[in-house]
Amino acid sequence: MSIEKTKFIDQIIINKNNTISLKEVTIITENDNELSKTYHRSVLVPGQDVSDQPVKVVSICQFLWTPQIISEYESQLLQ
């Protein structure tokens, strides 16, 4: 009897304002039979610390979030 928990990013969406929406899936299985599946959604904003995110998410953030994009996002917040 083996219980296993698997977590992975199922979806990455770059939004119009350069925020990044993530959908994480957690699956619990016992002897290869799925017992439960849950979803967690989160949003990352330009300039946010993403060091705790998976490598592919960090790579997307580093590519997308140039100093100009971060500055534009921050100025939108002040409006």
N, C-alpha and C. Protein backbone atom coordinates (compact mmCIF):
# COMPACT_ATOMS: atom_id res chain seq x y z
N MET A 1 0.85 -1.16 0.00
CA MET A 1 0.00 0.00 0.00
C MET A 1 0.90 1.23 0.00
N SER A 2 0.90 1.91 -1.11
CA SER A 2 1.77 3.06 -1.28
C SER A 2 0.94 4.31 -1.58
N ILE A 3 1.05 5.30 -0.69
CA ILE A 3 0.35 6.56 -0.91
C ILE A 3 1.37 7.58 -1.42
N GLU A 4 0.99 8.26 -2.48
CA GLU A 4 1.90 9.21 -3.12
C GLU A 4 1.20 10.54 -3.37
N LYS A 5 1.96 11.61 -3.18
CA LYS A 5 1.44 12.96 -3.41
C LYS A 5 2.29 13.59 -4.52
N THR A 6 1.62 14.07 -5.57
CA THR A 6 2.31 14.69 -6.70
C THR A 6 1.77 16.09 -6.90
N LYS A 7 2.69 17.07 -6.99
CA LYS A 7 2.30 18.47 -7.25
C LYS A 7 3.00 18.94 -8.51
N PHE A 8 2.27 19.66 -9.35
CA PHE A 8 2.88 20.21 -10.55
C PHE A 8 2.08 21.42 -11.04
N ILE A 9 2.75 22.27 -11.81
CA ILE A 9 2.10 23.42 -12.42
C ILE A 9 1.43 22.93 -13.70
N ASP A 10 0.13 23.07 -13.76
CA ASP A 10 -0.65 22.59 -14.88
C ASP A 10 -0.85 23.66 -15.95
N GLN A 11 -0.85 24.92 -15.53
CA GLN A 11 -1.17 26.01 -16.45
C GLN A 11 -0.43 27.27 -16.05
N ILE A 12 0.15 27.94 -17.05
CA ILE A 12 0.81 29.22 -16.86
C ILE A 12 0.22 30.18 -17.87
N ILE A 13 -0.35 31.29 -17.37
CA ILE A 13 -0.99 32.28 -18.26
C ILE A 13 -0.37 33.63 -18.01
N ILE A 14 0.08 34.27 -19.10
CA ILE A 14 0.58 35.64 -19.02
C ILE A 14 -0.59 36.56 -19.31
N ASN A 15 -0.96 37.37 -18.33
CA ASN A 15 -2.11 38.26 -18.45
C ASN A 15 -1.73 39.57 -19.14
N LYS A 16 -2.73 40.32 -19.54
CA LYS A 16 -2.54 41.58 -20.26
C LYS A 16 -1.63 42.55 -19.50
N ASN A 17 -1.73 42.61 -18.17
CA ASN A 17 -0.93 43.54 -17.38
C ASN A 17 0.41 42.94 -16.95
N ASN A 18 0.82 41.85 -17.62
CA ASN A 18 2.08 41.14 -17.38
C ASN A 18 2.17 40.43 -16.04
N THR A 19 1.03 40.23 -15.37
CA THR A 19 1.02 39.33 -14.23
C THR A 19 0.98 37.91 -14.79
N ILE A 20 1.34 36.95 -13.98
CA ILE A 20 1.36 35.56 -14.42
C ILE A 20 0.46 34.75 -13.51
N SER A 21 -0.53 34.10 -14.10
CA SER A 21 -1.45 33.24 -13.35
C SER A 21 -0.97 31.80 -13.43
N LEU A 22 -0.95 31.14 -12.28
CA LEU A 22 -0.52 29.74 -12.21
C LEU A 22 -1.66 28.88 -11.70
N LYS A 23 -1.77 27.68 -12.26
CA LYS A 23 -2.70 26.69 -11.71
C LYS A 23 -1.86 25.47 -11.32
N GLU A 24 -1.85 25.19 -10.02
CA GLU A 24 -1.10 24.05 -9.50
C GLU A 24 -2.06 22.92 -9.17
N VAL A 25 -1.67 21.71 -9.54
CA VAL A 25 -2.49 20.53 -9.27
C VAL A 25 -1.77 19.66 -8.25
N THR A 26 -2.53 19.17 -7.28
CA THR A 26 -2.01 18.21 -6.32
C THR A 26 -2.86 16.94 -6.43
N ILE A 27 -2.19 15.82 -6.67
CA ILE A 27 -2.89 14.54 -6.82
C ILE A 27 -2.38 13.58 -5.75
N ILE A 28 -3.32 12.97 -5.04
CA ILE A 28 -3.00 11.94 -4.05
C ILE A 28 -3.42 10.60 -4.65
N THR A 29 -2.47 9.66 -4.68
CA THR A 29 -2.78 8.33 -5.23
C THR A 29 -2.40 7.25 -4.22
N GLU A 30 -3.10 6.16 -4.31
CA GLU A 30 -2.77 4.97 -3.52
C GLU A 30 -2.75 3.80 -4.48
N ASN A 31 -1.59 3.15 -4.58
CA ASN A 31 -1.41 2.03 -5.51
C ASN A 31 -1.87 2.40 -6.92
N ASP A 32 -1.48 3.57 -7.36
CA ASP A 32 -1.80 4.11 -8.70
C ASP A 32 -3.28 4.43 -8.90
N ASN A 33 -4.08 4.42 -7.86
CA ASN A 33 -5.48 4.83 -7.95
C ASN A 33 -5.61 6.24 -7.37
N GLU A 34 -6.18 7.13 -8.14
CA GLU A 34 -6.33 8.52 -7.69
C GLU A 34 -7.38 8.62 -6.59
N LEU A 35 -6.94 9.15 -5.45
CA LEU A 35 -7.85 9.35 -4.32
C LEU A 35 -8.42 10.75 -4.31
N SER A 36 -7.58 11.73 -4.65
CA SER A 36 -8.06 13.11 -4.68
C SER A 36 -7.21 13.94 -5.62
N LYS A 37 -7.83 15.00 -6.10
CA LYS A 37 -7.15 15.97 -6.96
C LYS A 37 -7.65 17.35 -6.54
N THR A 38 -6.71 18.24 -6.23
CA THR A 38 -7.08 19.60 -5.85
C THR A 38 -6.30 20.59 -6.70
N TYR A 39 -6.86 21.78 -6.80
CA TYR A 39 -6.26 22.83 -7.61
C TYR A 39 -6.01 24.05 -6.72
N HIS A 40 -4.93 24.73 -7.02
CA HIS A 40 -4.63 25.99 -6.33
C HIS A 40 -4.19 26.99 -7.39
N ARG A 41 -4.83 28.14 -7.38
CA ARG A 41 -4.47 29.19 -8.33
C ARG A 41 -3.77 30.32 -7.60
N SER A 42 -2.78 30.90 -8.27
CA SER A 42 -2.06 32.03 -7.70
C SER A 42 -1.64 32.96 -8.83
N VAL A 43 -1.33 34.19 -8.45
CA VAL A 43 -0.90 35.20 -9.42
C VAL A 43 0.41 35.80 -8.95
N LEU A 44 1.35 35.90 -9.87
CA LEU A 44 2.64 36.53 -9.62
C LEU A 44 2.64 37.89 -10.30
N VAL A 45 3.16 38.90 -9.63
CA VAL A 45 3.16 40.25 -10.19
C VAL A 45 4.58 40.68 -10.54
N PRO A 46 4.72 41.53 -11.56
CA PRO A 46 6.06 41.97 -11.98
C PRO A 46 6.87 42.51 -10.81
N GLY A 47 8.10 42.00 -10.69
CA GLY A 47 9.00 42.42 -9.64
C GLY A 47 8.93 41.56 -8.38
N GLN A 48 7.96 40.68 -8.30
CA GLN A 48 7.79 39.82 -7.13
C GLN A 48 8.94 38.82 -7.04
N ASP A 49 9.34 38.45 -5.82
CA ASP A 49 10.35 37.42 -5.61
C ASP A 49 9.74 36.07 -6.00
N VAL A 50 10.34 35.41 -6.97
CA VAL A 50 9.82 34.12 -7.45
C VAL A 50 10.81 32.98 -7.20
N SER A 51 11.76 33.20 -6.29
CA SER A 51 12.80 32.20 -6.04
C SER A 51 12.25 30.86 -5.53
N ASP A 52 11.03 30.85 -4.99
CA ASP A 52 10.44 29.61 -4.49
C ASP A 52 9.59 28.90 -5.55
N GLN A 53 9.57 29.42 -6.76
CA GLN A 53 8.78 28.85 -7.85
C GLN A 53 9.60 27.83 -8.64
N PRO A 54 8.92 26.95 -9.40
CA PRO A 54 9.65 26.01 -10.27
C PRO A 54 10.51 26.74 -11.30
N VAL A 55 11.55 26.08 -11.76
CA VAL A 55 12.53 26.68 -12.67
C VAL A 55 11.88 27.28 -13.92
N LYS A 56 10.91 26.59 -14.51
CA LYS A 56 10.31 27.13 -15.74
C LYS A 56 9.53 28.41 -15.47
N VAL A 57 8.91 28.52 -14.31
CA VAL A 57 8.20 29.75 -13.95
C VAL A 57 9.19 30.89 -13.74
N VAL A 58 10.28 30.61 -13.04
CA VAL A 58 11.33 31.62 -12.82
C VAL A 58 11.88 32.10 -14.16
N SER A 59 12.11 31.20 -15.08
CA SER A 59 12.64 31.57 -16.41
C SER A 59 11.69 32.48 -17.16
N ILE A 60 10.40 32.19 -17.10
CA ILE A 60 9.40 33.03 -17.77
C ILE A 60 9.39 34.42 -17.14
N CYS A 61 9.40 34.48 -15.82
CA CYS A 61 9.39 35.77 -15.12
C CYS A 61 10.63 36.59 -15.47
N GLN A 62 11.79 35.96 -15.46
CA GLN A 62 13.02 36.68 -15.77
C GLN A 62 13.00 37.22 -17.20
N PHE A 63 12.45 36.46 -18.12
CA PHE A 63 12.37 36.91 -19.51
C PHE A 63 11.36 38.04 -19.68
N LEU A 64 10.20 37.89 -19.07
CA LEU A 64 9.10 38.83 -19.27
C LEU A 64 9.27 40.13 -18.49
N TRP A 65 9.69 40.03 -17.25
CA TRP A 65 9.70 41.19 -16.36
C TRP A 65 10.99 42.01 -16.49
N THR A 66 11.07 42.76 -17.55
CA THR A 66 12.17 43.69 -17.73
C THR A 66 11.98 44.86 -16.77
N PRO A 67 13.04 45.66 -16.54
CA PRO A 67 12.85 46.84 -15.69
C PRO A 67 11.72 47.76 -16.17
N GLN A 68 11.55 47.87 -17.48
CA GLN A 68 10.48 48.70 -18.03
C GLN A 68 9.10 48.13 -17.68
N ILE A 69 8.94 46.82 -17.81
CA ILE A 69 7.65 46.18 -17.49
C ILE A 69 7.33 46.35 -16.01
N ILE A 70 8.33 46.18 -15.15
CA ILE A 70 8.12 46.34 -13.71
C ILE A 70 7.71 47.78 -13.40
N SER A 71 8.37 48.74 -14.02
CA SER A 71 8.06 50.15 -13.79
C SER A 71 6.64 50.48 -14.27
N GLU A 72 6.26 49.98 -15.44
CA GLU A 72 4.91 50.21 -15.97
C GLU A 72 3.85 49.60 -15.04
N TYR A 73 4.11 48.41 -14.54
CA TYR A 73 3.16 47.75 -13.64
C TYR A 73 3.00 48.57 -12.36
N GLU A 74 4.11 49.00 -11.79
CA GLU A 74 4.06 49.78 -10.55
C GLU A 74 3.34 51.12 -10.75
N SER A 75 3.51 51.74 -11.91
CA SER A 75 2.82 53.00 -12.16
C SER A 75 1.32 52.79 -12.36
N GLN A 76 0.91 51.62 -12.87
CA GLN A 76 -0.52 51.31 -12.98
C GLN A 76 -1.17 51.21 -11.61
N LEU A 77 -0.41 50.72 -10.64
CA LEU A 77 -0.95 50.58 -9.28
C LEU A 77 -1.26 51.92 -8.64
N LEU A 78 -0.51 52.94 -9.05
CA LEU A 78 -0.68 54.27 -8.46
C LEU A 78 -1.84 55.05 -9.08
N GLN A 79 -2.37 54.56 -10.19
CA GLN A 79 -3.46 55.29 -10.87
C GLN A 79 -4.79 55.04 -10.24
